[in-house]
C-alpha atoms as a PDB file:
ATOM      1  CA  MET A   1       0.000   0.000   0.000  1.00  0.00           C
ATOM      2  CA  THR A   2       1.303   3.406  -0.977  1.00  0.00           C
ATOM      3  CA  THR A   3       1.064   6.245   1.503  1.00  0.00           C
ATOM      4  CA  ARG A   4      -1.016   9.140   0.199  1.00  0.00           C
ATOM      5  CA  TRP A   5       0.964  12.013   1.716  1.00  0.00           C
ATOM      6  CA  LEU A   6      -0.723  15.346   2.213  1.00  0.00           C
ATOM      7  CA  THR A   7       0.003  17.989  -0.384  1.00  0.00           C
ATOM      8  CA  GLU A   8       1.666  21.178   0.781  1.00  0.00           C
ATOM      9  CA  LYS A   9      -1.708  22.949   0.693  1.00  0.00           C
ATOM     10  CA  GLU A  10      -3.418  20.108   2.612  1.00  0.00           C
ATOM     11  CA  GLN A  11      -0.609  20.117   5.187  1.00  0.00           C
ATOM     12  CA  ARG A  12      -1.065  23.869   5.763  1.00  0.00           C
ATOM     13  CA  ALA A  13      -4.846  23.426   6.093  1.00  0.00           C
ATOM     14  CA  TRP A  14      -4.413  20.503   8.502  1.00  0.00           C
ATOM     15  CA  ARG A  15      -1.966  22.382  10.697  1.00  0.00           C
ATOM     16  CA  ALA A  16      -4.179  25.477  10.702  1.00  0.00           C
ATOM     17  CA  TYR A  17      -7.144  23.314  11.749  1.00  0.00           C
ATOM     18  CA  ILE A  18      -5.143  21.691  14.572  1.00  0.00           C
ATOM     19  CA  ALA A  19      -3.807  25.032  15.833  1.00  0.00           C
ATOM     20  CA  ALA A  20      -7.231  26.705  15.724  1.00  0.00           C
ATOM     21  CA  THR A  21      -9.100  23.858  17.425  1.00  0.00           C
ATOM     22  CA  HIS A  22      -6.529  23.548  20.204  1.00  0.00           C
ATOM     23  CA  LEU A  23      -6.517  27.299  20.831  1.00  0.00           C
ATOM     24  CA  LEU A  24     -10.314  27.517  20.709  1.00  0.00           C
ATOM     25  CA  GLU A  25     -10.795  24.585  23.088  1.00  0.00           C
ATOM     26  CA  ASP A  26      -8.215  26.067  25.475  1.00  0.00           C
ATOM     27  CA  ALA A  27      -9.933  29.478  25.459  1.00  0.00           C
ATOM     28  CA  ILE A  28     -13.359  27.910  26.035  1.00  0.00           C
ATOM     29  CA  ASP A  29     -11.997  25.797  28.891  1.00  0.00           C
ATOM     30  CA  ARG A  30     -10.393  28.846  30.514  1.00  0.00           C
ATOM     31  CA  GLN A  31     -13.611  30.867  30.240  1.00  0.00           C
ATOM     32  CA  LEU A  32     -15.712  28.063  31.716  1.00  0.00           C
ATOM     33  CA  GLN A  33     -13.215  27.412  34.510  1.00  0.00           C
ATOM     34  CA  GLN A  34     -13.263  31.127  35.364  1.00  0.00           C
ATOM     35  CA  ASP A  35     -17.045  31.560  35.151  1.00  0.00           C
ATOM     36  CA  ALA A  36     -18.274  28.207  36.457  1.00  0.00           C
ATOM     37  CA  GLY A  37     -15.298  26.279  37.822  1.00  0.00           C
ATOM     38  CA  MET A  38     -15.782  23.500  35.291  1.00  0.00           C
ATOM     39  CA  PRO A  39     -14.179  22.276  32.074  1.00  0.00           C
ATOM     40  CA  HIS A  40     -15.899  22.396  28.686  1.00  0.00           C
ATOM     41  CA  LEU A  41     -16.831  18.699  28.938  1.00  0.00           C
ATOM     42  CA  TYR A  42     -18.834  19.266  32.114  1.00  0.00           C
ATOM     43  CA  TYR A  43     -20.588  22.264  30.566  1.00  0.00           C
ATOM     44  CA  SER A  44     -21.420  20.105  27.515  1.00  0.00           C
ATOM     45  CA  ILE A  45     -22.954  17.468  29.778  1.00  0.00           C
ATOM     46  CA  LEU A  46     -25.143  20.086  31.463  1.00  0.00           C
ATOM     47  CA  ALA A  47     -26.106  21.627  28.103  1.00  0.00           C
ATOM     48  CA  ASN A  48     -27.078  18.245  26.634  1.00  0.00           C
ATOM     49  CA  LEU A  49     -29.223  17.475  29.659  1.00  0.00           C
ATOM     50  CA  SER A  50     -30.876  20.907  29.508  1.00  0.00           C
ATOM     51  CA  GLU A  51     -32.049  20.149  25.947  1.00  0.00           C
ATOM     52  CA  ALA A  52     -33.393  16.672  26.750  1.00  0.00           C
ATOM     53  CA  PRO A  53     -37.008  15.922  27.633  1.00  0.00           C
ATOM     54  CA  GLU A  54     -37.448  16.381  31.382  1.00  0.00           C
ATOM     55  CA  ARG A  55     -33.731  17.377  31.460  1.00  0.00           C
ATOM     56  CA  SER A  56     -32.856  13.675  31.695  1.00  0.00           C
ATOM     57  CA  LEU A  57     -30.943  11.185  29.548  1.00  0.00           C
ATOM     58  CA  ARG A  58     -29.850   7.587  29.911  1.00  0.00           C
ATOM     59  CA  MET A  59     -26.163   7.481  30.698  1.00  0.00           C
ATOM     60  CA  THR A  60     -25.471   5.539  27.484  1.00  0.00           C
ATOM     61  CA  ASP A  61     -27.272   8.189  25.426  1.00  0.00           C
ATOM     62  CA  LEU A  62     -25.414  10.968  27.209  1.00  0.00           C
ATOM     63  CA  ALA A  63     -22.100   9.215  26.518  1.00  0.00           C
ATOM     64  CA  ALA A  64     -23.027   8.994  22.827  1.00  0.00           C
ATOM     65  CA  LYS A  65     -24.006  12.671  22.645  1.00  0.00           C
ATOM     66  CA  THR A  66     -20.782  13.820  24.293  1.00  0.00           C
ATOM     67  CA  LYS A  67     -18.637  11.199  22.486  1.00  0.00           C
ATOM     68  CA  ILE A  68     -16.870  10.037  25.617  1.00  0.00           C
ATOM     69  CA  THR A  69     -16.425   6.649  27.205  1.00  0.00           C
ATOM     70  CA  ARG A  70     -18.815   5.488  29.873  1.00  0.00           C
ATOM     71  CA  SER A  71     -16.085   5.493  32.492  1.00  0.00           C
ATOM     72  CA  ARG A  72     -15.150   9.101  31.706  1.00  0.00           C
ATOM     73  CA  LEU A  73     -18.829  10.059  31.768  1.00  0.00           C
ATOM     74  CA  THR A  74     -19.341   8.265  35.084  1.00  0.00           C
ATOM     75  CA  TYR A  75     -16.424  10.199  36.574  1.00  0.00           C
ATOM     76  CA  ALA A  76     -17.774  13.530  35.268  1.00  0.00           C
ATOM     77  CA  VAL A  77     -21.341  12.815  36.389  1.00  0.00           C
ATOM     78  CA  THR A  78     -20.102  11.769  39.844  1.00  0.00           C
ATOM     79  CA  ARG A  79     -18.330  15.131  40.163  1.00  0.00           C
ATOM     80  CA  LEU A  80     -21.354  17.062  38.891  1.00  0.00           C
ATOM     81  CA  GLU A  81     -23.611  15.048  41.205  1.00  0.00           C
ATOM     82  CA  LYS A  82     -21.363  15.858  44.170  1.00  0.00           C
ATOM     83  CA  ASP A  83     -21.710  19.549  43.264  1.00  0.00           C
ATOM     84  CA  GLY A  84     -25.515  19.181  43.185  1.00  0.00           C
ATOM     85  CA  LEU A  85     -25.779  19.941  39.453  1.00  0.00           C
ATOM     86  CA  ILE A  86     -26.926  16.482  38.338  1.00  0.00           C
ATOM     87  CA  ARG A  87     -28.782  13.684  40.034  1.00  0.00           C
ATOM     88  CA  ARG A  88     -28.544  10.058  39.006  1.00  0.00           C
ATOM     89  CA  GLU A  89     -31.669   7.968  38.963  1.00  0.00           C
ATOM     90  CA  ASP A  90     -31.982   4.210  38.591  1.00  0.00           C
ATOM     91  CA  CYS A  91     -33.854   2.748  35.662  1.00  0.00           C
ATOM     92  CA  ALA A  92     -37.002   0.952  36.794  1.00  0.00           C
ATOM     93  CA  TRP A  93     -36.700  -1.655  34.008  1.00  0.00           C
ATOM     94  CA  ASP A  94     -32.980  -2.382  34.102  1.00  0.00           C
ATOM     95  CA  LYS A  95     -30.988  -2.176  37.322  1.00  0.00           C
ATOM     96  CA  ARG A  96     -27.738  -1.985  35.310  1.00  0.00           C
ATOM     97  CA  SER A  97     -28.770   1.336  33.771  1.00  0.00           C
ATOM     98  CA  SER A  98     -29.328   4.799  35.113  1.00  0.00           C
ATOM     99  CA  PHE A  99     -30.374   8.260  34.053  1.00  0.00           C
ATOM    100  CA  ALA A 100     -28.564  11.544  34.566  1.00  0.00           C
ATOM    101  CA  THR A 101     -30.945  14.396  35.339  1.00  0.00           C
ATOM    102  CA  LEU A 102     -30.097  18.076  35.450  1.00  0.00           C
ATOM    103  CA  THR A 103     -31.126  19.577  38.791  1.00  0.00           C
ATOM    104  CA  ASP A 104     -32.602  23.043  39.229  1.00  0.00           C
ATOM    105  CA  GLU A 105     -29.242  24.134  40.634  1.00  0.00           C
ATOM    106  CA  GLY A 106     -27.489  22.703  37.558  1.00  0.00           C
ATOM    107  CA  MET A 107     -29.895  24.584  35.294  1.00  0.00           C
ATOM    108  CA  ALA A 108     -29.208  27.798  37.216  1.00  0.00           C
ATOM    109  CA  VAL A 109     -25.430  27.332  36.797  1.00  0.00           C
ATOM    110  CA  LEU A 110     -25.930  26.692  33.093  1.00  0.00           C
ATOM    111  CA  GLU A 111     -28.122  29.787  32.702  1.00  0.00           C
ATOM    112  CA  ARG A 112     -25.533  31.941  34.537  1.00  0.00           C
ATOM    113  CA  THR A 113     -22.636  30.527  32.519  1.00  0.00           C
ATOM    114  CA  ALA A 114     -24.193  30.375  29.045  1.00  0.00           C
ATOM    115  CA  PRO A 115     -23.924  34.094  28.177  1.00  0.00           C
ATOM    116  CA  GLY A 116     -20.152  34.153  28.792  1.00  0.00           C
ATOM    117  CA  HIS A 117     -19.709  30.873  26.948  1.00  0.00           C
ATOM    118  CA  VAL A 118     -21.689  32.087  23.940  1.00  0.00           C
ATOM    119  CA  GLU A 119     -19.775  35.368  23.895  1.00  0.00           C
ATOM    120  CA  THR A 120     -16.467  33.484  23.935  1.00  0.00           C
ATOM    121  CA  VAL A 121     -17.545  31.246  21.049  1.00  0.00           C
ATOM    122  CA  ARG A 122     -18.946  34.216  19.135  1.00  0.00           C
ATOM    123  CA  SER A 123     -15.901  36.461  19.593  1.00  0.00           C
ATOM    124  CA  LEU A 124     -13.315  33.776  18.895  1.00  0.00           C
ATOM    125  CA  LEU A 125     -15.068  32.037  16.010  1.00  0.00           C
ATOM    126  CA  PHE A 126     -18.203  33.496  14.476  1.00  0.00           C
ATOM    127  CA  ASP A 127     -17.254  37.191  14.618  1.00  0.00           C
ATOM    128  CA  ARG A 128     -14.248  36.305  12.461  1.00  0.00           C
ATOM    129  CA  LEU A 129     -16.329  34.693   9.714  1.00  0.00           C
ATOM    130  CA  THR A 130     -18.634  36.026   7.036  1.00  0.00           C
ATOM    131  CA  PRO A 131     -22.161  34.578   6.859  1.00  0.00           C
ATOM    132  CA  LYS A 132     -21.030  32.581   3.815  1.00  0.00           C
ATOM    133  CA  GLN A 133     -18.076  31.158   5.756  1.00  0.00           C
ATOM    134  CA  VAL A 134     -20.409  30.129   8.596  1.00  0.00           C
ATOM    135  CA  GLU A 135     -22.500  28.200   6.046  1.00  0.00           C
ATOM    136  CA  GLN A 136     -19.353  26.625   4.629  1.00  0.00           C
ATOM    137  CA  LEU A 137     -18.070  25.713   8.092  1.00  0.00           C
ATOM    138  CA  GLU A 138     -21.342  23.963   8.885  1.00  0.00           C
ATOM    139  CA  GLU A 139     -21.352  22.197   5.525  1.00  0.00           C
ATOM    140  CA  ILE A 140     -17.749  21.049   5.862  1.00  0.00           C
ATOM    141  CA  PHE A 141     -17.967  19.718   9.401  1.00  0.00           C
ATOM    142  CA  SER A 142     -21.452  18.246   8.994  1.00  0.00           C
ATOM    143  CA  GLY A 143     -20.175  16.402   5.931  1.00  0.00           C
ATOM    144  CA  ILE A 144     -17.110  15.095   7.739  1.00  0.00           C
ATOM    145  CA  ALA A 145     -19.135  14.005  10.773  1.00  0.00           C
ATOM    146  CA  GLN A 146     -21.770  12.303   8.599  1.00  0.00           C
ATOM    147  CA  ALA A 147     -19.135  10.483   6.551  1.00  0.00           C
ATOM    148  CA  MET A 148     -17.461   9.241   9.711  1.00  0.00           C
ATOM    149  CA  GLU A 149     -20.784   8.085  11.159  1.00  0.00           C
ATOM    150  CA  ASP A 150     -21.897   6.377   7.942  1.00  0.00           C
ATOM    151  CA  GLY A 151     -18.596   5.318   6.382  1.00  0.00           C
ATOM    152  CA  GLU A 152     -16.954   1.931   6.213  1.00  0.00           C
ATOM    153  CA  GLU A 153     -14.310   3.064   8.697  1.00  0.00           C
ATOM    154  CA  ARG A 154     -17.059   3.573  11.275  1.00  0.00           C
ATOM    155  CA  PRO A 155     -16.163   1.640  14.402  1.00  0.00           C
ATOM    156  CA  THR A 156     -18.397  -1.185  15.492  1.00  0.00           C
ATOM    157  CA  SER A 157     -20.272  -0.976  18.769  1.00  0.00           C
ATOM    158  CA  GLU A 158     -17.575  -3.152  20.339  1.00  0.00           C
ATOM    159  CA  ASP A 159     -14.910  -0.636  19.273  1.00  0.00           C
ATOM    160  CA  VAL A 160     -16.578   2.499  20.632  1.00  0.00           C
ATOM    161  CA  PRO A 161     -17.748   2.303  24.245  1.00  0.00           C
ATOM    162  CA  TRP A 162     -20.438   4.987  23.976  1.00  0.00           C
ATOM    163  CA  ARG A 163     -22.201   2.970  21.257  1.00  0.00           C
ATOM    164  CA  ARG A 164     -22.591  -0.182  23.341  1.00  0.00           C
ATOM    165  CA  ARG A 165     -26.137  -0.958  24.393  1.00  0.00           C
ATOM    166  CA  SER A 166     -27.500  -3.387  26.900  1.00  0.00           C
ATOM    167  CA  SER A 167     -30.675  -5.277  26.106  1.00  0.00           C
ATOM    168  CA  GLY A 168     -33.067  -3.336  28.359  1.00  0.00           C
ATOM    169  CA  PRO A 169     -35.089  -0.242  27.462  1.00  0.00           C
ATOM    170  CA  CYS A 170     -33.200   1.900  29.979  1.00  0.00           C
ATOM    171  CA  SER A 171     -29.673   1.186  28.773  1.00  0.00           C
END
C-alpha cells in the first residue's frame, strides 16, 4: 500500500485546523473554569441534559451525545452530582442502567454561565467569519461528521464504548 501524503496545501490546512481547534478549546476551557469552575466537557454534559425531555438522559445516550467513554462520563457525572448539578436515577426496568438528570441548581449554573460561553464562542469564532463562511463551516464539518458516522471506517459498537447498548429499554 502506498502512503497518500498530504500535499503542501493540505498540510497547511491541517496544521491550521489543529492550531485553531486547540486554541479555541483552550480558550473555552479557561472561560468556563473562570465563570463556572468546570471544564468544557462538564458544561457540555449540562447543556445536553438541559435540551433533553425532562432534562434527563440515559447514561449511554449521554455518553453517545458527548462522544466520551462510559467510564469518563461516570467520573464527570459523579463530580457534577457531588456539586448538586446532576442527580442520578436508577432505571425501573434495568438495574444496570441509570439516568442523569439536570437539577434546578445545575440549570441555574448553566443559565448563569451560558452568556459568557456564547460570547467566547462568538468572539473567537463566528465574529471572524462572514455569513457565507459560517455556512461553509457547517457544511464542511457536517459532511465530515456524517461520513465518519456512515462510512466503512465507522467503528463497530464493540470498538466504541459509547455505542454499546444493553438489552433493556433503559440502557
